[in-house]
Protein backbone atom coordinates (compact mmCIF):
# COMPACT_ATOMS: atom_id res chain seq x y z
CA MET A 1 0.23 -0.22 0.01
CA ASP A 2 1.42 3.49 -1.08
CA PHE A 3 1.77 5.98 1.55
CA GLN A 4 1.79 9.76 0.10
CA GLN A 5 3.81 11.77 2.85
CA GLU A 6 5.54 11.66 5.86
CA SER A 7 3.62 12.04 9.21
CA ALA A 8 4.03 15.01 11.05
CA ILE A 9 3.78 13.11 14.31
CA PRO A 10 6.97 11.46 15.01
CA GLY A 11 6.84 7.61 14.72
CA ALA A 12 3.10 7.38 13.39
CA PRO A 13 2.19 6.16 9.95
CA ALA A 14 2.03 8.32 6.90
CA ARG A 15 -1.13 9.11 5.51
CA CYS A 16 -2.89 6.15 3.78
CA PRO A 17 -5.24 6.14 0.75
CA MET A 18 -8.49 4.56 1.30
CA HIS A 19 -9.74 5.16 -1.96
CA GLY A 20 -7.65 2.35 -3.97
CA GLU A 21 -8.04 -1.26 -5.37
CA ASP A 22 -5.19 -2.10 -2.53
CA PHE A 23 -7.40 -0.64 0.27
CA ALA A 24 -10.26 -2.94 -1.04
CA ALA A 25 -8.24 -5.96 -1.28
CA ASP A 26 -6.90 -5.67 2.27
CA PRO A 27 -8.69 -3.05 4.59
CA HIS A 28 -7.37 -4.58 7.68
CA GLN A 29 -3.73 -4.23 6.92
CA LEU A 30 -4.38 -0.37 7.23
CA TYR A 31 -6.35 -0.93 10.32
CA ASP A 32 -3.72 -3.03 11.55
CA ARG A 33 -1.15 -0.58 10.72
CA LEU A 34 -2.93 2.50 12.32
CA ARG A 35 -3.45 0.45 15.30
CA ALA A 36 -0.35 -0.20 16.18
CA HIS A 37 0.87 3.58 16.50
CA GLY A 38 -2.26 5.00 18.14
CA PRO A 39 -6.47 4.78 18.63
CA ALA A 40 -6.35 6.71 15.37
CA GLY A 41 -4.44 7.44 12.58
CA PRO A 42 -3.95 9.94 9.04
CA VAL A 43 -6.12 8.61 6.29
CA GLU A 44 -7.16 10.07 2.56
CA LEU A 45 -10.79 9.31 2.06
CA ALA A 46 -10.14 10.42 -1.76
CA PRO A 47 -7.57 12.30 -3.52
CA GLY A 48 -7.47 15.66 -1.49
CA VAL A 49 -9.82 14.75 1.13
CA GLU A 50 -7.70 14.23 4.81
CA ALA A 51 -9.30 12.60 7.94
CA GLU A 52 -8.79 10.79 10.96
CA LEU A 53 -9.92 7.47 11.24
CA VAL A 54 -10.69 5.95 14.69
CA VAL A 55 -9.50 1.87 14.61
CA GLU A 56 -10.00 1.70 18.37
CA HIS A 57 -13.12 0.39 19.94
CA GLU A 58 -12.89 2.07 23.21
CA THR A 59 -12.12 5.38 21.21
CA ALA A 60 -14.63 4.82 18.96
CA LEU A 61 -17.35 4.64 21.59
CA ARG A 62 -16.16 7.66 23.11
CA VAL A 63 -16.44 9.68 20.07
CA LEU A 64 -19.81 8.14 19.05
CA GLN A 65 -21.34 9.08 22.55
CA ASN A 66 -19.55 12.41 22.73
CA THR A 67 -21.98 15.26 22.02
CA THR A 68 -20.19 18.01 24.40
CA LEU A 69 -16.69 18.02 22.05
CA PHE A 70 -17.89 16.00 18.31
CA ALA A 71 -20.87 17.21 16.09
CA ARG A 72 -22.08 15.11 12.86
CA ASP A 73 -23.12 18.82 10.92
CA SER A 74 -20.33 19.11 8.58
CA ARG A 75 -20.54 22.38 7.93
CA ARG A 76 -18.17 22.75 10.48
CA TRP A 77 -15.68 21.05 7.95
CA THR A 78 -12.74 23.50 7.65
CA ALA A 79 -10.98 22.04 4.62
CA LEU A 80 -14.61 22.15 2.80
CA ASN A 81 -15.15 25.83 3.83
CA GLU A 82 -11.72 26.85 3.15
CA GLY A 83 -12.28 25.87 -0.37
CA ARG A 84 -9.80 22.95 -0.44
CA ILE A 85 -12.31 20.01 -1.34
CA ALA A 86 -13.25 19.38 -4.88
CA LEU A 87 -16.88 19.81 -5.53
CA ASP A 88 -16.85 16.75 -7.51
CA SER A 89 -14.97 14.57 -5.00
CA PRO A 90 -16.29 11.37 -5.04
CA VAL A 91 -16.90 11.40 -1.21
CA LEU A 92 -19.13 14.47 -1.14
CA PRO A 93 -21.96 13.22 -1.76
CA MET A 94 -21.50 11.05 1.33
CA MET A 95 -20.32 13.66 3.57
CA ALA A 96 -21.98 17.09 2.41
CA TYR A 97 -24.23 18.75 5.05
CA ARG A 98 -28.03 17.59 4.33
CA PRO A 99 -30.90 18.43 7.26
CA ASN A 100 -31.14 14.82 7.95
CA CYS A 101 -30.77 12.59 11.07
CA LEU A 102 -27.19 11.82 10.23
CA PHE A 103 -25.84 15.29 9.75
CA THR A 104 -27.97 17.51 12.69
CA ASP A 105 -27.08 17.62 16.61
CA GLY A 106 -29.12 18.31 19.24
CA ALA A 107 -32.73 19.42 19.02
CA VAL A 108 -33.10 19.36 15.47
CA HIS A 109 -31.62 15.78 15.28
CA LEU A 110 -33.80 14.92 18.08
CA ARG A 111 -36.81 16.26 16.24
CA LEU A 112 -36.03 14.59 13.14
CA ARG A 113 -34.83 11.12 14.24
CA LYS A 114 -38.14 11.10 16.47
CA ALA A 115 -40.14 11.61 13.16
CA VAL A 116 -37.95 8.82 11.60
CA THR A 117 -37.98 6.07 14.11
CA ASP A 118 -41.59 6.38 14.95
CA SER A 119 -42.71 6.07 11.27
CA LEU A 120 -39.96 2.87 11.03
CA ASP A 121 -41.45 1.35 14.17
CA ARG A 122 -45.01 1.19 12.45
CA LEU A 123 -43.48 -1.35 10.11
CA ASP A 124 -43.87 -4.64 12.26
CA ILE A 125 -41.42 -7.37 11.25
CA SER A 126 -44.14 -9.83 9.59
CA ARG A 127 -45.42 -6.92 7.42
CA ILE A 128 -41.49 -6.59 6.30
CA ARG A 129 -40.98 -10.37 5.81
CA ARG A 130 -44.29 -10.60 3.87
CA ASP A 131 -42.98 -7.65 1.68
CA VAL A 132 -39.49 -9.42 1.01
CA GLU A 133 -40.67 -12.67 -0.04
CA PRO A 134 -42.75 -11.69 -2.72
CA ILE A 135 -40.16 -9.26 -4.61
CA ALA A 136 -37.61 -12.29 -3.70
CA ASP A 137 -39.69 -14.61 -5.93
CA TYR A 138 -39.91 -12.26 -8.43
CA LEU A 139 -36.36 -11.73 -8.65
CA ILE A 140 -35.12 -15.11 -8.85
CA ASP A 141 -37.81 -16.22 -11.60
CA GLN A 142 -35.65 -13.64 -13.68
CA PHE A 143 -32.53 -15.77 -13.45
CA SER A 144 -33.59 -19.36 -12.39
CA GLU A 145 -33.76 -20.89 -15.89
CA ARG A 146 -30.37 -19.51 -17.13
CA GLY A 147 -28.47 -21.84 -14.37
CA ARG A 148 -26.04 -18.89 -13.77
CA ALA A 149 -26.44 -15.47 -12.03
CA ASP A 150 -24.97 -12.73 -10.36
CA LEU A 151 -26.43 -12.68 -7.10
CA LEU A 152 -24.81 -9.24 -6.24
CA ASN A 153 -26.42 -7.24 -8.97
CA ASP A 154 -29.07 -9.32 -10.21
CA TYR A 155 -30.64 -10.22 -6.56
CA ALA A 156 -28.78 -8.34 -3.78
CA LYS A 157 -28.98 -5.06 -5.35
CA LEU A 158 -32.05 -5.11 -6.49
CA LEU A 159 -34.13 -6.40 -3.61
CA PRO A 160 -33.90 -3.48 -1.18
CA LEU A 161 -34.44 -0.82 -3.91
CA LEU A 162 -37.59 -2.81 -4.76
CA LEU A 163 -38.37 -2.84 -1.45
CA PHE A 164 -38.06 0.89 -0.65
CA ASN A 165 -40.36 1.40 -3.22
CA LYS A 166 -43.16 -0.63 -1.54
CA ILE A 167 -42.67 0.53 1.89
CA PHE A 168 -42.28 4.11 0.74
CA GLY A 169 -45.77 3.41 -1.48
CA CYS A 170 -44.63 4.27 -4.88
CA PRO A 171 -46.24 4.21 -7.89
CA ALA A 172 -44.93 2.70 -11.05
CA GLY A 173 -43.80 5.42 -12.56
CA ILE A 174 -41.80 7.23 -9.79
CA GLY A 175 -41.01 3.90 -8.63
CA ASP A 176 -38.82 3.08 -11.74
CA ARG A 177 -37.21 6.35 -12.23
CA LEU A 178 -36.29 5.97 -8.22
CA THR A 179 -34.82 2.39 -8.85
CA SER A 180 -32.96 3.70 -11.96
CA THR A 181 -31.59 6.89 -10.05
CA MET A 182 -30.33 5.25 -6.96
CA SER A 183 -28.74 2.32 -9.14
CA ALA A 184 -27.03 5.36 -10.81
CA ILE A 185 -25.85 6.96 -7.68
CA PHE A 186 -24.42 3.76 -6.11
CA ASP A 187 -22.78 2.78 -9.15
CA GLY A 188 -21.09 6.30 -9.56
CA LYS A 189 -22.60 6.72 -12.95
CA ASP A 190 -23.32 10.55 -13.54
CA ALA A 191 -24.31 11.05 -9.79
CA MET A 192 -24.78 14.54 -9.76
CA ARG A 193 -27.54 14.24 -12.92
CA ALA A 194 -28.81 10.98 -10.92
CA ASN A 195 -29.12 12.85 -7.59
CA GLU A 196 -31.11 15.64 -9.50
CA GLU A 197 -33.36 13.19 -10.65
CA MET A 198 -33.70 11.18 -7.43
CA THR A 199 -34.70 14.97 -5.61
CA ALA A 200 -37.24 15.25 -8.39
CA CYS A 201 -38.77 11.85 -7.77
CA LEU A 202 -39.37 12.08 -3.98
CA MET A 203 -40.93 15.57 -4.28
CA GLU A 204 -43.45 13.85 -6.66
CA LEU A 205 -44.02 11.04 -4.04
CA ILE A 206 -44.35 13.78 -1.30
CA THR A 207 -46.90 16.02 -3.20
CA LEU A 208 -48.78 12.76 -4.43
CA LYS A 209 -48.77 11.37 -0.44
CA ARG A 210 -50.09 14.87 0.72
CA ARG A 211 -52.79 14.35 -1.46
CA GLU A 212 -53.56 10.83 -1.05
CA PRO A 213 -51.72 9.30 1.85
CA GLY A 214 -51.73 5.25 2.10
CA ASP A 215 -50.39 2.83 4.58
CA ASP A 216 -46.53 3.66 3.89
CA VAL A 217 -43.23 5.33 5.77
CA THR A 218 -44.01 8.66 3.30
CA SER A 219 -47.65 8.72 4.76
CA TRP A 220 -46.25 8.42 8.16
CA LEU A 221 -43.32 11.20 8.11
CA ILE A 222 -45.92 13.58 6.46
CA GLN A 223 -48.72 12.80 9.54
CA HIS A 224 -46.18 12.92 12.14
CA PRO A 225 -46.26 15.49 14.70
CA ALA A 226 -43.25 16.93 14.21
CA GLY A 227 -44.71 18.73 10.99
CA LEU A 228 -42.03 18.30 8.45
CA ASN A 229 -41.64 20.58 5.83
CA ASP A 230 -41.33 19.25 2.00
CA GLU A 231 -37.66 19.50 2.16
CA GLU A 232 -37.31 17.91 5.64
CA LEU A 233 -39.30 15.17 4.07
CA LYS A 234 -37.13 14.56 1.29
CA ASP A 235 -33.66 14.58 3.22
CA GLN A 236 -35.18 12.22 5.56
CA LEU A 237 -36.47 9.80 2.61
CA VAL A 238 -32.70 10.40 1.00
CA MET A 239 -31.32 9.51 4.51
CA LEU A 240 -33.67 6.24 4.62
CA MET A 241 -32.54 5.08 1.13
CA GLY A 242 -28.79 5.75 1.31
CA ALA A 243 -28.65 4.22 4.74
CA GLY A 244 -30.56 1.38 4.11
CA VAL A 245 -30.14 0.26 0.13
CA GLU A 246 -26.56 0.14 -0.12
CA PRO A 247 -25.61 -1.66 3.54
CA GLU A 248 -28.49 -3.82 3.06
CA ARG A 249 -27.26 -5.61 -0.46
CA ASN A 250 -23.76 -5.75 0.92
CA LEU A 251 -24.94 -7.26 4.16
CA ILE A 252 -27.02 -9.41 1.93
CA GLY A 253 -23.88 -10.33 -0.53
CA ASN A 254 -21.18 -10.61 2.08
CA ALA A 255 -23.05 -13.05 4.13
CA LEU A 256 -24.17 -15.42 0.86
CA LEU A 257 -20.50 -15.57 0.18
CA LEU A 258 -19.61 -16.37 3.46
CA LEU A 259 -22.46 -19.06 2.98
CA LEU A 260 -21.21 -20.18 -0.51
CA SER A 261 -17.56 -20.32 0.73
CA GLY A 262 -15.29 -23.21 1.62
CA GLU A 263 -16.41 -26.37 3.86
CA ASP A 264 -14.52 -24.71 7.12
CA SER A 265 -16.63 -21.48 7.10
CA GLY A 266 -19.91 -21.94 4.97
CA ARG A 267 -22.61 -24.16 4.54
CA GLY A 268 -19.99 -26.91 4.73
CA ALA A 269 -19.62 -26.18 8.30
CA GLY A 270 -23.21 -25.88 8.92
CA LEU A 271 -23.33 -22.52 9.59
CA LEU A 272 -26.66 -20.89 10.02
CA ILE A 273 -28.08 -17.91 8.25
CA GLU A 274 -28.00 -15.76 11.38
CA GLU A 275 -24.45 -16.84 12.49
CA ALA A 276 -23.09 -15.56 8.80
CA LEU A 277 -24.87 -12.44 9.68
CA ASP A 278 -23.22 -11.49 12.80
CA HIS A 279 -20.01 -12.85 11.26
CA VAL A 280 -20.23 -10.29 8.29
CA LEU A 281 -21.45 -7.61 11.13
CA TRP A 282 -18.20 -8.34 13.15
CA ASN A 283 -15.50 -8.93 10.15
CA ASP A 284 -16.89 -7.47 7.07
CA PRO A 285 -19.74 -4.77 8.02
CA PRO A 286 -21.26 -3.87 5.15
CA ILE A 287 -20.59 0.39 5.99
CA ALA A 288 -16.96 -0.57 7.38
CA ASN A 289 -15.79 3.14 7.82
CA TYR A 290 -18.32 6.16 8.60
CA ALA A 291 -19.79 8.35 11.08
CA THR A 292 -17.85 11.37 10.20
CA HIS A 293 -17.69 13.82 13.42
CA PHE A 294 -16.17 16.87 13.52
CA PRO A 295 -14.33 18.47 16.70
CA LEU A 296 -15.90 21.42 18.30
CA GLN A 297 -12.42 22.50 19.05
CA ASP A 298 -9.06 20.99 19.17
CA VAL A 299 -9.13 17.41 21.04
CA GLU A 300 -6.53 14.46 21.41
CA LEU A 301 -7.56 10.88 20.87
CA LYS A 302 -5.34 9.19 23.89
CA GLY A 303 -2.28 11.28 22.75
CA VAL A 304 -3.30 11.65 18.78
CA PRO A 305 -4.05 15.74 18.08
CA VAL A 306 -7.17 16.20 16.51
CA ALA A 307 -7.71 20.07 14.76
CA ALA A 308 -11.33 21.27 14.95
CA GLY A 309 -13.35 20.91 12.18
CA THR A 310 -11.15 17.68 10.93
CA PRO A 311 -13.19 15.21 9.94
CA VAL A 312 -13.09 11.78 12.72
CA VAL A 313 -14.24 8.82 10.75
CA ILE A 314 -15.14 5.74 12.80
CA SER A 315 -13.85 2.39 11.63
CA PHE A 316 -16.48 0.06 12.48
CA ALA A 317 -14.34 -2.69 11.05
CA GLY A 318 -11.28 -1.29 12.60
CA ALA A 319 -12.78 -1.25 16.00
CA ASN A 320 -14.50 -4.80 15.73
CA SER A 321 -10.84 -6.38 14.78
CA ASP A 322 -9.41 -4.55 17.92
CA PRO A 323 -7.55 -7.19 19.70
CA ALA A 324 -9.30 -5.85 22.90
CA LEU A 325 -12.38 -7.34 21.98
CA ASN A 326 -11.14 -10.92 20.93
CA ASP A 327 -13.46 -12.59 23.55
CA ALA A 328 -16.27 -10.90 22.41
CA ARG A 329 -15.58 -11.65 18.64
CA GLN A 330 -14.93 -15.25 18.96
CA ALA A 331 -18.51 -15.42 20.98
CA ARG A 332 -19.95 -13.41 18.13
CA SER A 333 -21.34 -11.34 21.13
CA LYS A 334 -24.12 -9.25 19.16
CA GLY A 335 -23.84 -6.23 21.36
CA ALA A 336 -20.07 -5.62 21.36
CA HIS A 337 -19.72 -4.78 17.46
CA LEU A 338 -20.01 -1.47 16.46
CA ALA A 339 -21.77 -2.57 12.98
CA TRP A 340 -24.75 -0.85 14.12
CA GLY A 341 -23.21 2.37 15.44
CA ALA A 342 -23.82 3.94 18.90
CA GLY A 343 -24.75 6.79 20.64
CA PRO A 344 -27.62 9.21 19.46
CA HIS A 345 -27.01 8.41 16.05
CA ALA A 346 -27.07 4.85 16.13
CA CYS A 347 -29.10 2.79 13.31
CA PRO A 348 -32.79 2.95 14.13
CA ALA A 349 -33.77 0.16 11.75
CA LYS A 350 -31.29 -2.57 12.88
CA SER A 351 -34.24 -5.43 13.58
CA PRO A 352 -36.09 -4.51 10.44
CA ALA A 353 -32.41 -4.65 8.21
CA GLN A 354 -31.51 -8.52 9.66
CA VAL A 355 -34.98 -9.69 9.18
CA ILE A 356 -34.73 -8.42 5.13
CA ALA A 357 -31.17 -9.72 5.18
CA ILE A 358 -32.51 -13.06 6.94
CA THR A 359 -35.55 -13.49 4.54
CA ALA A 360 -33.73 -12.58 1.42
CA ILE A 361 -30.94 -14.99 1.89
CA GLU A 362 -33.53 -18.11 3.01
CA LYS A 363 -35.24 -17.23 0.14
CA ILE A 364 -32.39 -17.97 -2.74
CA LEU A 365 -30.63 -21.15 -0.96
CA ASN A 366 -34.35 -22.72 -0.68
CA ALA A 367 -34.85 -21.90 -4.53
CA LEU A 368 -31.63 -22.74 -5.33
CA PRO A 369 -30.26 -25.56 -3.07
CA ASP A 370 -27.46 -26.50 -5.24
CA LEU A 371 -25.73 -22.96 -5.45
CA VAL A 372 -22.09 -22.65 -5.43
CA LEU A 373 -19.59 -19.97 -6.63
CA GLU A 374 -18.61 -19.69 -10.22
CA VAL A 375 -14.92 -18.30 -9.50
CA PRO A 376 -12.58 -19.14 -6.73
CA GLU A 377 -13.32 -16.87 -3.81
CA LYS A 378 -9.57 -15.58 -3.96
CA ASP A 379 -10.83 -14.26 -7.60
CA LEU A 380 -13.89 -12.06 -6.44
CA GLN A 381 -12.83 -8.31 -6.36
CA TRP A 382 -14.08 -5.66 -3.83
CA ARG A 383 -15.29 -2.43 -4.76
CA PRO A 384 -12.96 0.58 -3.85
CA GLY A 385 -13.84 3.20 -1.93
CA PRO A 386 -13.20 4.54 1.50
CA PHE A 387 -17.07 3.60 3.41
CA HIS A 388 -18.15 0.54 2.03
CA ARG A 389 -17.28 -3.08 2.26
CA ALA A 390 -18.48 -4.21 -1.06
CA LEU A 391 -18.40 -6.78 -3.64
CA VAL A 392 -18.15 -5.89 -7.19
CA SER A 393 -19.95 -9.06 -8.52
CA LEU A 394 -20.66 -12.69 -7.13
CA PRO A 395 -21.24 -14.76 -9.60
CA VAL A 396 -22.76 -18.41 -8.96
CA ARG A 397 -23.95 -21.36 -10.90
CA PHE A 398 -26.90 -23.83 -10.46
CA SER A 399 -29.30 -26.41 -11.58
CA PRO A 400 -31.60 -24.64 -14.17
CA THR A 401 -35.17 -24.66 -12.55
CA PRO A 402 -38.42 -22.92 -14.14
CA ALA A 403 -39.52 -19.62 -13.10
CA THR A 404 -42.62 -20.70 -11.67
CA ARG A 405 -41.90 -19.01 -7.97
CA VAL A 406 -44.12 -16.01 -8.62
CA ALA A 407 -47.06 -17.97 -9.73
CA ALA A 408 -46.62 -20.03 -6.31
CA SER A 409 -46.39 -16.70 -4.46
CA LEU A 410 -49.46 -15.50 -5.83
CA GLN A 411 -51.47 -18.83 -4.61
CA ALA A 412 -50.54 -18.18 -1.22
CA MET A 413 -51.15 -14.49 -1.19
CA ASN A 414 -54.87 -15.67 -2.94
CA THR A 415 -55.19 -18.74 0.37
CA ARG A 416 -53.99 -16.27 2.94
CA PRO A 417 -56.61 -15.55 5.25
CA ARG A 418 -57.95 -12.07 3.80
CA ALA A 419 -57.42 -10.05 6.54
CA ALA A 420 -53.71 -10.44 6.47
CA ALA A 421 -53.76 -10.16 3.01
CA ALA A 422 -55.62 -6.61 3.26
CA GLU A 423 -52.79 -5.45 6.42
CA SER A 424 -49.69 -6.10 4.21
CA GLY A 425 -51.34 -4.52 1.24
CA GLN A 426 -51.25 -7.02 -0.96
CA VAL A 427 -54.48 -8.10 -2.09
CA PRO A 428 -54.19 -9.62 -5.74
CA VAL A 429 -56.83 -9.32 -8.21
CA ALA A 430 -57.68 -12.39 -9.82
CA GLY A 431 -56.59 -13.02 -13.17
CA GLN A 432 -54.17 -14.87 -15.52
CA VAL A 433 -50.54 -13.84 -14.06
CA ARG A 434 -48.54 -12.17 -16.43
CA THR A 435 -44.79 -12.32 -16.65
CA PRO A 436 -42.30 -9.08 -16.60
CA ARG A 437 -40.08 -10.69 -19.41
CA GLN A 438 -42.76 -10.58 -22.00
CA GLU A 439 -42.12 -6.55 -22.05
CA PRO A 440 -38.48 -6.42 -20.75
CA LYS A 441 -37.63 -2.81 -22.58
CA LYS A 442 -40.83 -1.27 -22.06
CA LYS A 443 -41.23 -1.43 -17.81
CA GLY A 444 -38.57 -0.88 -15.23
CA PHE A 445 -38.57 -3.33 -12.24
CA TRP A 446 -41.15 -1.53 -10.13
CA SER A 447 -43.85 -1.17 -12.47
CA SER A 448 -43.31 -4.94 -13.79
CA PHE A 449 -43.69 -6.13 -10.10
CA LEU A 450 -46.70 -4.09 -9.45
CA ASP A 451 -48.42 -5.48 -12.95
CA VAL A 452 -47.30 -9.18 -11.58
CA PHE A 453 -49.07 -8.50 -8.34
CA ARG A 454 -51.52 -6.14 -9.00
CA LEU A 455 -50.45 -3.97 -5.80
């Protein structure tokens, strides 16, 4: 790994880039090197974007929980305010201020977070599972007859996108555009245009839900006593998608990789899905480094000086691998790892995220029980970037099976008690099932899914 400049602190490591293929291939090399010199160390998140990365568990907890010395509001970012950060920097969309739960503090944060958590709490676990199952069936049917698939891009990436369309209450047109724009943002394809389109989609959705409220998160946010205005509503929806879609696809993808890997660690060793998820959250958390804080004054992190306004990034992966947690890590103690964050900005959707991942993985393993990796595990590539732990692809092969899961899912929904179907918002209209592959170029994933399930 190349180090770009000498450290200003004698004995400390030089500033290390977190944006190249070397870091993506072996991030723990960096975490271990920094930890050998102290609880935090100098890194470069993108060309010209410097930060301190916290890799010690105890120090990470102190930063996450200390609202007196540290703020999440990135308008305090000195280098950005002084014009030293390029406006087209690839990390700016993940670090620039938005008036949402991630980037606010104090009373403003409490008001926004209360609206979000109250709305998410209305998504009971059984409903989430019922929402995930038909989406999983639909996606599996798209590739089950081929005998080959990329489980990341054909399944793990699309499932949370379609699920968020469902829980946001998106109609066909808005949902198709939102799915397309979110995919473009996460893939780094014309992100500026995609961000503008995403904003337009969400503002249309908010206008629609103010006029025609439904049983969905968007309507619940609108109706919340916090009285969010349209801009605030849009920014909370952006935050929910950003904090939900990308991490969820990586959680599913990384757990599937573990389950499909060698006999000593995957299904061959009798590993359960829940155990695979715990292993991933400890060792390859989908958001490996984030929760950027800004010191309100010059501080020291156990002897490491950090100037006010410097980005202090929490390495969840680095903190989890702290030798001080060896016993907890070996026991996979769920309360010790930091994959869900900690303090006032801890993830508010831990239980739903796990249910989504468990259901998605159960569905694919049950549908295609002889799944195997198409390439050796060592040949799989990890996506470069400072924040995520994400595969580029997850190619697999399996025995081709008929694409009949959607029909079976509809049958189950028709035989389910009417009250349960009404509660889930999935009351299909009787009639012949029309498969989405009849019109592959005319409709997006969401409108095709809605056509099939008549939602």
